[in-house]
Amino acid sequence: MSPSVSTSPSVSTTHASTAASAPTAAELLDFVRRSAADPELIASLPLDPEGRTWVRLEGPGGSEAWLIGWPPGTGTGWHDHAESVGAFLTAAGTLKENSLAARLPTDGWKTLELSEGVDRERELAAGKGRAFGQNHVHEVLNESTGEHAVSVHAYYPPLPRIRRYSRTGAVLRLESVERPEDWQ
C-alpha cells in the first residue's frame, strides 16, 4: 500500500486461527477464500471512486490480512512482499495479475534485465485467487472502466517491507523500499 492511497479504519474478522504455528501459503489461501465468501464483510468495505481503500483483518496464526477496494483503473505497480508468503482472492469484480516466473536476487541490485518468457498474466474473476512464495514480484490491476473490484489478501510473516519497482520493457528497476509504518 502506498501513503497516497485512501485508507479506512481497522476492523477484525471473526475468523479463528487455523494453526498454532506459522500458517502456510495454502492456509492463507483458505483464509482469503473464506473471507471473500462473507457477504457482510465484503459489503462493510467503504469504496472510494478514485483511490484504493482497505481495512485490516485479523488473519490466521498471526498473519497480516487486508480487505482492499479497487476503483476502476487502479493498480499496485510492480512490487514484492519480501520474505512473506501470501495469498489473495478476488471477492467482487475482476483483477489482473502480471507476475514474473523467475527468481530474482533479493538484495544488492538496482537494475535487472529480464529474460524472455518470464512474464505471466492471470485474470482473477470473483472467487479466483492464488497463493505465492517469498519475493514474488507482481502487479495487481483493476482494468475495468466502470466496476470496482474487492479482494482479500493475507501475508505471513506480517509484511516486513515492500519493494517497489518500475519496469520499462525488459528492464526492472528497484525504486523504493517501504516499511510497515509507511502504509499502516
N, C-alpha and C. Protein backbone atom coordinates (compact mmCIF):
# COMPACT_ATOMS: atom_id res chain seq x y z
N MET A 1 0.85 -1.17 0.00
CA MET A 1 0.00 0.00 0.00
C MET A 1 0.90 1.24 0.00
N SER A 2 0.50 2.28 -0.64
CA SER A 2 1.32 3.48 -0.64
C SER A 2 0.65 4.57 0.16
N PRO A 3 1.41 5.52 0.70
CA PRO A 3 0.84 6.55 1.54
C PRO A 3 -0.18 7.43 0.84
N SER A 4 -0.19 7.48 -0.49
CA SER A 4 -1.13 8.35 -1.20
C SER A 4 -2.49 7.69 -1.43
N VAL A 5 -2.67 6.49 -0.93
CA VAL A 5 -3.90 5.75 -1.14
C VAL A 5 -4.87 6.03 0.00
N SER A 6 -6.17 6.09 -0.31
CA SER A 6 -7.18 6.30 0.72
C SER A 6 -7.20 5.11 1.66
N THR A 7 -7.38 5.38 2.95
CA THR A 7 -7.42 4.29 3.91
C THR A 7 -8.70 4.32 4.71
N SER A 8 -8.98 3.19 5.33
CA SER A 8 -10.16 3.03 6.16
C SER A 8 -9.73 2.58 7.53
N PRO A 9 -10.59 2.73 8.55
CA PRO A 9 -10.21 2.28 9.89
C PRO A 9 -10.07 0.77 9.96
N SER A 10 -9.28 0.30 10.92
CA SER A 10 -9.06 -1.13 11.08
C SER A 10 -10.26 -1.80 11.73
N VAL A 11 -10.53 -3.03 11.31
CA VAL A 11 -11.53 -3.88 11.93
C VAL A 11 -10.96 -5.29 11.98
N SER A 12 -11.58 -6.15 12.74
CA SER A 12 -11.16 -7.54 12.80
C SER A 12 -12.30 -8.43 12.36
N THR A 13 -11.96 -9.56 11.74
CA THR A 13 -12.97 -10.54 11.39
C THR A 13 -13.09 -11.53 12.54
N THR A 14 -14.07 -12.40 12.43
CA THR A 14 -14.27 -13.41 13.46
C THR A 14 -13.63 -14.73 13.07
N HIS A 15 -12.87 -14.76 11.96
CA HIS A 15 -12.21 -15.99 11.55
C HIS A 15 -11.13 -16.34 12.56
N ALA A 16 -11.18 -17.57 13.08
CA ALA A 16 -10.20 -18.02 14.06
C ALA A 16 -8.94 -18.50 13.36
N SER A 17 -7.86 -18.49 14.07
CA SER A 17 -6.61 -19.02 13.53
C SER A 17 -6.77 -20.50 13.26
N THR A 18 -6.26 -20.93 12.10
CA THR A 18 -6.39 -22.34 11.72
C THR A 18 -5.19 -23.16 12.15
N ALA A 19 -4.16 -22.52 12.63
CA ALA A 19 -2.97 -23.27 13.01
C ALA A 19 -2.27 -22.57 14.17
N ALA A 20 -1.70 -23.37 15.07
CA ALA A 20 -0.97 -22.80 16.19
C ALA A 20 0.39 -22.30 15.73
N SER A 21 0.92 -22.89 14.66
CA SER A 21 2.21 -22.47 14.13
C SER A 21 2.01 -21.53 12.94
N ALA A 22 3.09 -21.17 12.30
CA ALA A 22 3.04 -20.26 11.16
C ALA A 22 2.14 -20.83 10.07
N PRO A 23 1.22 -20.03 9.56
CA PRO A 23 0.34 -20.52 8.50
C PRO A 23 1.10 -20.71 7.19
N THR A 24 0.72 -21.72 6.45
CA THR A 24 1.30 -21.98 5.14
C THR A 24 0.59 -21.13 4.10
N ALA A 25 1.16 -21.07 2.90
CA ALA A 25 0.51 -20.35 1.81
C ALA A 25 -0.86 -20.96 1.52
N ALA A 26 -0.99 -22.28 1.61
CA ALA A 26 -2.29 -22.93 1.38
C ALA A 26 -3.31 -22.52 2.45
N GLU A 27 -2.87 -22.39 3.70
CA GLU A 27 -3.79 -21.95 4.76
C GLU A 27 -4.18 -20.48 4.57
N LEU A 28 -3.26 -19.67 4.09
CA LEU A 28 -3.60 -18.27 3.80
C LEU A 28 -4.61 -18.21 2.66
N LEU A 29 -4.44 -19.05 1.66
CA LEU A 29 -5.39 -19.08 0.55
C LEU A 29 -6.77 -19.53 1.05
N ASP A 30 -6.81 -20.49 1.94
CA ASP A 30 -8.09 -20.92 2.51
C ASP A 30 -8.75 -19.77 3.28
N PHE A 31 -7.95 -19.02 4.05
CA PHE A 31 -8.47 -17.88 4.80
C PHE A 31 -9.06 -16.82 3.86
N VAL A 32 -8.31 -16.45 2.81
CA VAL A 32 -8.83 -15.40 1.91
C VAL A 32 -10.06 -15.90 1.17
N ARG A 33 -10.12 -17.18 0.85
CA ARG A 33 -11.31 -17.76 0.18
C ARG A 33 -12.54 -17.66 1.10
N ARG A 34 -12.37 -18.05 2.36
CA ARG A 34 -13.50 -17.98 3.31
C ARG A 34 -13.91 -16.54 3.57
N SER A 35 -12.93 -15.66 3.70
CA SER A 35 -13.24 -14.25 3.96
C SER A 35 -13.96 -13.62 2.78
N ALA A 36 -13.51 -13.90 1.57
CA ALA A 36 -14.14 -13.34 0.36
C ALA A 36 -15.55 -13.84 0.17
N ALA A 37 -15.88 -14.99 0.75
CA ALA A 37 -17.23 -15.55 0.64
C ALA A 37 -18.18 -14.99 1.69
N ASP A 38 -17.70 -14.09 2.55
CA ASP A 38 -18.52 -13.49 3.60
C ASP A 38 -19.15 -12.19 3.07
N PRO A 39 -20.43 -12.22 2.66
CA PRO A 39 -21.03 -11.03 2.04
C PRO A 39 -21.08 -9.82 2.97
N GLU A 40 -21.25 -10.04 4.26
CA GLU A 40 -21.28 -8.90 5.20
C GLU A 40 -19.91 -8.23 5.28
N LEU A 41 -18.85 -9.03 5.32
CA LEU A 41 -17.51 -8.47 5.35
C LEU A 41 -17.23 -7.66 4.08
N ILE A 42 -17.54 -8.22 2.94
CA ILE A 42 -17.27 -7.54 1.67
C ILE A 42 -18.08 -6.24 1.58
N ALA A 43 -19.33 -6.27 2.01
CA ALA A 43 -20.18 -5.08 1.96
C ALA A 43 -19.74 -4.01 2.96
N SER A 44 -18.96 -4.39 3.98
CA SER A 44 -18.53 -3.43 5.00
C SER A 44 -17.42 -2.49 4.51
N LEU A 45 -16.78 -2.82 3.40
CA LEU A 45 -15.67 -2.01 2.91
C LEU A 45 -16.19 -0.74 2.23
N PRO A 46 -15.80 0.43 2.75
CA PRO A 46 -16.19 1.66 2.06
C PRO A 46 -15.39 1.78 0.75
N LEU A 47 -16.08 2.08 -0.33
CA LEU A 47 -15.43 2.20 -1.63
C LEU A 47 -15.29 3.67 -2.00
N ASP A 48 -14.12 4.04 -2.46
CA ASP A 48 -13.82 5.40 -2.89
C ASP A 48 -13.80 5.40 -4.41
N PRO A 49 -14.41 6.39 -5.07
CA PRO A 49 -14.43 6.38 -6.53
C PRO A 49 -13.05 6.61 -7.17
N GLU A 50 -12.09 7.11 -6.42
CA GLU A 50 -10.80 7.46 -7.03
C GLU A 50 -9.61 6.69 -6.49
N GLY A 51 -9.59 6.37 -5.21
CA GLY A 51 -8.42 5.71 -4.62
C GLY A 51 -8.77 4.38 -3.99
N ARG A 52 -7.76 3.53 -3.91
CA ARG A 52 -7.98 2.24 -3.24
C ARG A 52 -8.28 2.49 -1.77
N THR A 53 -9.10 1.63 -1.22
CA THR A 53 -9.40 1.66 0.21
C THR A 53 -9.06 0.28 0.78
N TRP A 54 -8.78 0.25 2.07
CA TRP A 54 -8.51 -1.04 2.69
C TRP A 54 -8.89 -1.01 4.15
N VAL A 55 -9.14 -2.22 4.66
CA VAL A 55 -9.43 -2.46 6.06
C VAL A 55 -8.56 -3.63 6.48
N ARG A 56 -7.87 -3.47 7.60
CA ARG A 56 -7.03 -4.55 8.10
C ARG A 56 -7.91 -5.61 8.76
N LEU A 57 -7.60 -6.86 8.50
CA LEU A 57 -8.33 -8.00 9.06
C LEU A 57 -7.41 -8.79 9.99
N GLU A 58 -8.00 -9.58 10.82
CA GLU A 58 -7.23 -10.48 11.68
C GLU A 58 -7.03 -11.79 10.93
N GLY A 59 -5.80 -12.03 10.49
CA GLY A 59 -5.51 -13.23 9.72
C GLY A 59 -5.16 -14.40 10.63
N PRO A 60 -5.08 -15.59 10.07
CA PRO A 60 -4.77 -16.78 10.86
C PRO A 60 -3.32 -16.83 11.33
N GLY A 61 -3.10 -17.34 12.51
CA GLY A 61 -1.76 -17.61 13.01
C GLY A 61 -0.84 -16.42 13.06
N GLY A 62 -1.39 -15.23 13.32
CA GLY A 62 -0.55 -14.03 13.39
C GLY A 62 -0.23 -13.42 12.04
N SER A 63 -0.91 -13.85 10.99
CA SER A 63 -0.66 -13.28 9.67
C SER A 63 -1.28 -11.90 9.56
N GLU A 64 -0.84 -11.16 8.56
CA GLU A 64 -1.38 -9.84 8.25
C GLU A 64 -2.37 -10.02 7.11
N ALA A 65 -3.56 -9.44 7.25
CA ALA A 65 -4.59 -9.62 6.22
C ALA A 65 -5.28 -8.29 5.95
N TRP A 66 -5.74 -8.13 4.70
CA TRP A 66 -6.37 -6.89 4.26
C TRP A 66 -7.55 -7.17 3.35
N LEU A 67 -8.59 -6.38 3.50
CA LEU A 67 -9.71 -6.32 2.55
C LEU A 67 -9.47 -5.04 1.75
N ILE A 68 -9.38 -5.15 0.42
CA ILE A 68 -8.98 -4.00 -0.41
C ILE A 68 -10.03 -3.73 -1.48
N GLY A 69 -10.40 -2.44 -1.64
CA GLY A 69 -11.29 -1.99 -2.70
C GLY A 69 -10.49 -1.32 -3.80
N TRP A 70 -10.79 -1.66 -5.03
CA TRP A 70 -10.07 -1.19 -6.21
C TRP A 70 -11.01 -0.45 -7.13
N PRO A 71 -10.96 0.88 -7.20
CA PRO A 71 -11.77 1.59 -8.19
C PRO A 71 -11.33 1.22 -9.61
N PRO A 72 -12.17 1.47 -10.59
CA PRO A 72 -11.78 1.20 -11.98
C PRO A 72 -10.47 1.90 -12.32
N GLY A 73 -9.61 1.17 -13.02
CA GLY A 73 -8.36 1.75 -13.50
C GLY A 73 -7.24 1.87 -12.49
N THR A 74 -7.35 1.26 -11.32
CA THR A 74 -6.30 1.38 -10.31
C THR A 74 -5.44 0.11 -10.28
N GLY A 75 -4.25 0.24 -9.69
CA GLY A 75 -3.36 -0.89 -9.57
C GLY A 75 -2.27 -0.61 -8.56
N THR A 76 -1.46 -1.61 -8.32
CA THR A 76 -0.41 -1.52 -7.31
C THR A 76 0.92 -1.05 -7.86
N GLY A 77 1.17 -1.23 -9.13
CA GLY A 77 2.51 -1.10 -9.66
C GLY A 77 3.30 -2.36 -9.30
N TRP A 78 4.45 -2.52 -9.92
CA TRP A 78 5.29 -3.70 -9.67
C TRP A 78 5.87 -3.63 -8.25
N HIS A 79 5.77 -4.76 -7.53
CA HIS A 79 6.27 -4.82 -6.15
C HIS A 79 6.46 -6.27 -5.73
N ASP A 80 7.08 -6.47 -4.58
CA ASP A 80 7.11 -7.78 -3.95
C ASP A 80 6.83 -7.61 -2.46
N HIS A 81 6.69 -8.72 -1.76
CA HIS A 81 6.37 -8.71 -0.33
C HIS A 81 7.52 -9.28 0.49
N ALA A 82 8.73 -9.14 -0.04
CA ALA A 82 9.95 -9.55 0.63
C ALA A 82 9.86 -11.00 1.10
N GLU A 83 10.13 -11.25 2.37
CA GLU A 83 10.23 -12.62 2.88
C GLU A 83 8.87 -13.24 3.21
N SER A 84 7.79 -12.55 2.98
CA SER A 84 6.46 -13.09 3.32
C SER A 84 5.93 -13.98 2.20
N VAL A 85 5.25 -15.07 2.60
CA VAL A 85 4.43 -15.82 1.66
C VAL A 85 3.05 -15.20 1.72
N GLY A 86 2.23 -15.40 0.71
CA GLY A 86 0.93 -14.76 0.73
C GLY A 86 -0.08 -15.43 -0.15
N ALA A 87 -1.27 -14.85 -0.11
CA ALA A 87 -2.38 -15.30 -0.94
C ALA A 87 -3.34 -14.14 -1.11
N PHE A 88 -4.03 -14.11 -2.24
CA PHE A 88 -5.10 -13.14 -2.42
C PHE A 88 -6.16 -13.74 -3.31
N LEU A 89 -7.36 -13.21 -3.16
CA LEU A 89 -8.51 -13.72 -3.90
C LEU A 89 -9.45 -12.57 -4.19
N THR A 90 -10.00 -12.55 -5.39
CA THR A 90 -10.95 -11.52 -5.78
C THR A 90 -12.32 -11.89 -5.22
N ALA A 91 -12.94 -10.97 -4.49
CA ALA A 91 -14.26 -11.19 -3.91
C ALA A 91 -15.36 -10.62 -4.79
N ALA A 92 -15.06 -9.55 -5.53
CA ALA A 92 -16.04 -8.91 -6.42
C ALA A 92 -15.27 -8.26 -7.56
N GLY A 93 -15.88 -8.25 -8.74
CA GLY A 93 -15.22 -7.67 -9.90
C GLY A 93 -14.18 -8.63 -10.45
N THR A 94 -13.21 -8.06 -11.18
CA THR A 94 -12.13 -8.85 -11.78
C THR A 94 -10.82 -8.09 -11.62
N LEU A 95 -9.80 -8.81 -11.21
CA LEU A 95 -8.44 -8.25 -11.12
C LEU A 95 -7.53 -8.99 -12.08
N LYS A 96 -6.51 -8.31 -12.52
CA LYS A 96 -5.48 -8.91 -13.36
C LYS A 96 -4.18 -8.89 -12.58
N GLU A 97 -3.45 -10.01 -12.62
CA GLU A 97 -2.13 -10.06 -12.01
C GLU A 97 -1.09 -10.30 -13.10
N ASN A 98 -0.13 -9.41 -13.19
CA ASN A 98 1.06 -9.63 -14.00
C ASN A 98 2.16 -10.02 -13.03
N SER A 99 2.88 -11.08 -13.34
CA SER A 99 3.94 -11.52 -12.43
C SER A 99 5.14 -12.02 -13.22
N LEU A 100 6.21 -12.25 -12.51
CA LEU A 100 7.44 -12.76 -13.09
C LEU A 100 7.66 -14.19 -12.63
N ALA A 101 7.85 -15.10 -13.56
CA ALA A 101 8.11 -16.50 -13.25
C ALA A 101 9.63 -16.71 -13.22
N ALA A 102 10.28 -15.96 -12.37
CA ALA A 102 11.73 -16.05 -12.23
C ALA A 102 12.10 -15.65 -10.82
N ARG A 103 13.10 -16.30 -10.30
CA ARG A 103 13.64 -15.92 -9.00
C ARG A 103 14.62 -14.77 -9.21
N LEU A 104 14.38 -13.67 -8.54
CA LEU A 104 15.27 -12.53 -8.64
C LEU A 104 16.17 -12.48 -7.42
N PRO A 105 17.35 -11.91 -7.55
CA PRO A 105 18.15 -11.72 -6.34
C PRO A 105 17.38 -10.83 -5.37
N THR A 106 17.45 -11.09 -4.09
CA THR A 106 16.64 -10.34 -3.14
C THR A 106 17.26 -9.01 -2.74
N ASP A 107 18.55 -8.87 -2.81
CA ASP A 107 19.20 -7.63 -2.39
C ASP A 107 20.44 -7.39 -3.25
N GLY A 108 20.95 -6.16 -3.17
CA GLY A 108 22.22 -5.84 -3.79
C GLY A 108 22.14 -5.45 -5.26
N TRP A 109 20.96 -5.13 -5.76
CA TRP A 109 20.85 -4.71 -7.15
C TRP A 109 19.88 -3.54 -7.26
N LYS A 110 20.04 -2.77 -8.31
CA LYS A 110 19.13 -1.64 -8.59
C LYS A 110 18.43 -1.82 -9.92
N THR A 111 19.08 -2.47 -10.88
CA THR A 111 18.51 -2.67 -12.21
C THR A 111 18.81 -4.08 -12.69
N LEU A 112 17.79 -4.74 -13.25
CA LEU A 112 17.96 -6.07 -13.83
C LEU A 112 17.36 -6.08 -15.22
N GLU A 113 17.98 -6.83 -16.12
CA GLU A 113 17.39 -7.07 -17.43
C GLU A 113 16.76 -8.46 -17.36
N LEU A 114 15.45 -8.51 -17.61
CA LEU A 114 14.71 -9.76 -17.51
C LEU A 114 14.85 -10.59 -18.78
N SER A 115 14.89 -11.88 -18.63
CA SER A 115 14.95 -12.79 -19.76
C SER A 115 13.58 -12.89 -20.43
N GLU A 116 13.60 -13.28 -21.69
CA GLU A 116 12.33 -13.51 -22.39
C GLU A 116 11.62 -14.68 -21.74
N GLY A 117 10.29 -14.64 -21.77
CA GLY A 117 9.49 -15.76 -21.27
C GLY A 117 9.23 -15.75 -19.77
N VAL A 118 9.63 -14.70 -19.04
CA VAL A 118 9.40 -14.69 -17.60
C VAL A 118 8.05 -14.08 -17.22
N ASP A 119 7.38 -13.44 -18.16
CA ASP A 119 6.12 -12.78 -17.84
C ASP A 119 4.96 -13.76 -17.76
N ARG A 120 4.14 -13.58 -16.72
CA ARG A 120 2.92 -14.36 -16.54
C ARG A 120 1.77 -13.39 -16.34
N GLU A 121 0.60 -13.75 -16.84
CA GLU A 121 -0.58 -12.91 -16.71
C GLU A 121 -1.75 -13.80 -16.29
N ARG A 122 -2.50 -13.35 -15.28
CA ARG A 122 -3.67 -14.08 -14.80
C ARG A 122 -4.84 -13.12 -14.68
N GLU A 123 -6.00 -13.56 -15.11
CA GLU A 123 -7.23 -12.81 -14.85
C GLU A 123 -7.95 -13.53 -13.73
N LEU A 124 -8.26 -12.77 -12.67
CA LEU A 124 -8.86 -13.36 -11.48
C LEU A 124 -10.24 -12.74 -11.26
N ALA A 125 -11.26 -13.44 -11.75
CA ALA A 125 -12.64 -13.01 -11.55
C ALA A 125 -13.05 -13.35 -10.12
N ALA A 126 -14.22 -12.89 -9.70
CA ALA A 126 -14.71 -13.16 -8.35
C ALA A 126 -14.63 -14.65 -8.04
N GLY A 127 -14.06 -14.97 -6.87
CA GLY A 127 -13.90 -16.35 -6.45
C GLY A 127 -12.58 -16.98 -6.86
N LYS A 128 -11.78 -16.27 -7.64
CA LYS A 128 -10.48 -16.79 -8.09
C LYS A 128 -9.35 -16.09 -7.35
N GLY A 129 -8.34 -16.86 -7.02
CA GLY A 129 -7.20 -16.29 -6.31
C GLY A 129 -6.00 -17.17 -6.45
N ARG A 130 -4.98 -16.86 -5.68
CA ARG A 130 -3.76 -17.65 -5.74
C ARG A 130 -2.90 -17.41 -4.51
N ALA A 131 -2.05 -18.38 -4.25
CA ALA A 131 -1.03 -18.25 -3.20
C ALA A 131 0.30 -18.02 -3.90
N PHE A 132 1.27 -17.45 -3.17
CA PHE A 132 2.60 -17.22 -3.75
C PHE A 132 3.65 -17.30 -2.66
N GLY A 133 4.88 -17.53 -3.10
CA GLY A 133 6.01 -17.67 -2.19
C GLY A 133 6.73 -16.36 -1.93
N GLN A 134 7.82 -16.47 -1.21
CA GLN A 134 8.63 -15.30 -0.86
C GLN A 134 9.18 -14.62 -2.11
N ASN A 135 9.34 -13.30 -2.03
CA ASN A 135 9.96 -12.49 -3.07
C ASN A 135 9.23 -12.58 -4.42
N HIS A 136 7.94 -12.81 -4.40
CA HIS A 136 7.12 -12.90 -5.61
C HIS A 136 6.89 -11.49 -6.16
N VAL A 137 7.42 -11.22 -7.35
CA VAL A 137 7.30 -9.89 -7.96
C VAL A 137 6.07 -9.88 -8.86
N HIS A 138 5.16 -8.90 -8.59
CA HIS A 138 3.93 -8.83 -9.38
C HIS A 138 3.34 -7.43 -9.33
N GLU A 139 2.32 -7.24 -10.13
CA GLU A 139 1.46 -6.06 -10.02
C GLU A 139 0.03 -6.56 -10.15
N VAL A 140 -0.89 -5.88 -9.46
CA VAL A 140 -2.30 -6.24 -9.49
C VAL A 140 -3.07 -5.02 -9.99
N LEU A 141 -4.00 -5.25 -10.92
CA LEU A 141 -4.71 -4.16 -11.58
C LEU A 141 -6.21 -4.43 -11.67
N ASN A 142 -7.00 -3.38 -11.54
CA ASN A 142 -8.41 -3.43 -11.91
C ASN A 142 -8.51 -2.68 -13.23
N GLU A 143 -8.58 -3.42 -14.32
CA GLU A 143 -8.61 -2.81 -15.65
C GLU A 143 -10.01 -2.42 -16.10
N SER A 144 -11.00 -2.67 -15.28
CA SER A 144 -12.37 -2.28 -15.64
C SER A 144 -12.46 -0.77 -15.79
N THR A 145 -13.32 -0.33 -16.67
CA THR A 145 -13.54 1.11 -16.83
C THR A 145 -14.74 1.59 -16.02
N GLY A 146 -15.50 0.65 -15.42
CA GLY A 146 -16.68 1.09 -14.69
C GLY A 146 -17.04 0.32 -13.43
N GLU A 147 -16.29 -0.72 -13.09
CA GLU A 147 -16.67 -1.56 -11.95
C GLU A 147 -15.55 -1.65 -10.92
N HIS A 148 -15.92 -1.42 -9.65
CA HIS A 148 -14.98 -1.66 -8.56
C HIS A 148 -14.66 -3.16 -8.48
N ALA A 149 -13.52 -3.47 -7.95
CA ALA A 149 -13.18 -4.83 -7.58
C ALA A 149 -12.87 -4.80 -6.08
N VAL A 150 -13.06 -5.93 -5.42
CA VAL A 150 -12.75 -6.07 -4.00
C VAL A 150 -11.98 -7.38 -3.86
N SER A 151 -10.93 -7.37 -3.04
CA SER A 151 -10.14 -8.57 -2.83
C SER A 151 -9.73 -8.70 -1.37
N VAL A 152 -9.31 -9.91 -1.02
CA VAL A 152 -8.81 -10.21 0.32
C VAL A 152 -7.38 -10.73 0.16
N HIS A 153 -6.46 -10.23 1.00
CA HIS A 153 -5.04 -10.57 0.93
C HIS A 153 -4.56 -10.99 2.32
N ALA A 154 -3.63 -11.94 2.38
CA ALA A 154 -3.03 -12.35 3.65
C ALA A 154 -1.56 -12.66 3.43
N TYR A 155 -0.73 -12.32 4.42
CA TYR A 155 0.73 -12.49 4.32
C TYR A 155 1.28 -13.01 5.65
N TYR A 156 2.26 -13.90 5.56
CA TYR A 156 2.98 -14.35 6.74
C TYR A 156 4.43 -14.56 6.37
N PRO A 157 5.35 -14.08 7.20
CA PRO A 157 5.10 -13.25 8.38
C PRO A 157 4.51 -11.91 7.96
N PRO A 158 3.93 -11.17 8.94
CA PRO A 158 3.42 -9.84 8.60
C PRO A 158 4.49 -9.07 7.82
N LEU A 159 4.05 -8.33 6.85
CA LEU A 159 4.95 -7.70 5.88
C LEU A 159 6.08 -6.92 6.54
N PRO A 160 7.33 -7.38 6.35
CA PRO A 160 8.47 -6.66 6.91
C PRO A 160 8.83 -5.46 6.04
N ARG A 161 8.52 -5.56 4.74
CA ARG A 161 8.79 -4.49 3.79
C ARG A 161 8.15 -4.83 2.46
N ILE A 162 7.97 -3.83 1.65
CA ILE A 162 7.52 -4.00 0.27
C ILE A 162 8.54 -3.26 -0.59
N ARG A 163 9.06 -3.98 -1.56
CA ARG A 163 9.97 -3.34 -2.52
C ARG A 163 9.16 -2.96 -3.75
N ARG A 164 9.29 -1.71 -4.20
CA ARG A 164 8.56 -1.20 -5.37
C ARG A 164 9.53 -1.06 -6.54
N TYR A 165 9.03 -1.43 -7.73
CA TYR A 165 9.84 -1.44 -8.93
C TYR A 165 9.16 -0.63 -10.03
N SER A 166 9.97 -0.15 -10.97
CA SER A 166 9.44 0.37 -12.22
C SER A 166 9.89 -0.61 -13.30
N ARG A 167 9.15 -0.62 -14.39
CA ARG A 167 9.51 -1.54 -15.46
C ARG A 167 9.36 -0.84 -16.80
N THR A 168 10.41 -0.92 -17.61
CA THR A 168 10.39 -0.43 -18.98
C THR A 168 10.89 -1.57 -19.85
N GLY A 169 9.97 -2.18 -20.61
CA GLY A 169 10.35 -3.34 -21.43
C GLY A 169 10.88 -4.44 -20.55
N ALA A 170 12.10 -4.90 -20.85
CA ALA A 170 12.71 -5.99 -20.09
C ALA A 170 13.50 -5.51 -18.88
N VAL A 171 13.52 -4.19 -18.64
CA VAL A 171 14.33 -3.65 -17.54
C VAL A 171 13.46 -3.39 -16.31
N LEU A 172 13.84 -4.04 -15.21
CA LEU A 172 13.17 -3.86 -13.92
C LEU A 172 14.12 -3.08 -13.03
N ARG A 173 13.61 -2.00 -12.44
CA ARG A 173 14.45 -1.13 -11.61
C ARG A 173 13.83 -1.01 -10.22
N LEU A 174 14.64 -1.25 -9.19
CA LEU A 174 14.21 -1.06 -7.81
C LEU A 174 14.08 0.44 -7.56
N GLU A 175 12.89 0.90 -7.17
CA GLU A 175 12.65 2.32 -6.95
C GLU A 175 12.63 2.71 -5.48
N SER A 176 12.02 1.86 -4.63
CA SER A 176 11.92 2.22 -3.22
C SER A 176 11.64 0.98 -2.38
N VAL A 177 11.88 1.13 -1.09
CA VAL A 177 11.57 0.08 -0.12
C VAL A 177 10.69 0.72 0.94
N GLU A 178 9.50 0.14 1.14
CA GLU A 178 8.56 0.65 2.15
C GLU A 178 8.55 -0.28 3.35
N ARG A 179 8.35 0.29 4.50
CA ARG A 179 8.25 -0.47 5.76
C ARG A 179 6.83 -0.32 6.29
N PRO A 180 6.42 -1.16 7.24
CA PRO A 180 5.03 -1.13 7.73
C PRO A 180 4.54 0.26 8.14
N GLU A 181 5.40 1.07 8.73
CA GLU A 181 4.95 2.40 9.15
C GLU A 181 4.55 3.27 7.97
N ASP A 182 4.94 2.90 6.76
CA ASP A 182 4.59 3.68 5.57
C ASP A 182 3.17 3.44 5.10
N TRP A 183 2.55 2.30 5.47
CA TRP A 183 1.21 2.00 4.96
C TRP A 183 0.18 1.69 6.04
N GLN A 184 0.55 1.69 7.30
CA GLN A 184 -0.43 1.37 8.35
C GLN A 184 -0.91 2.60 9.06
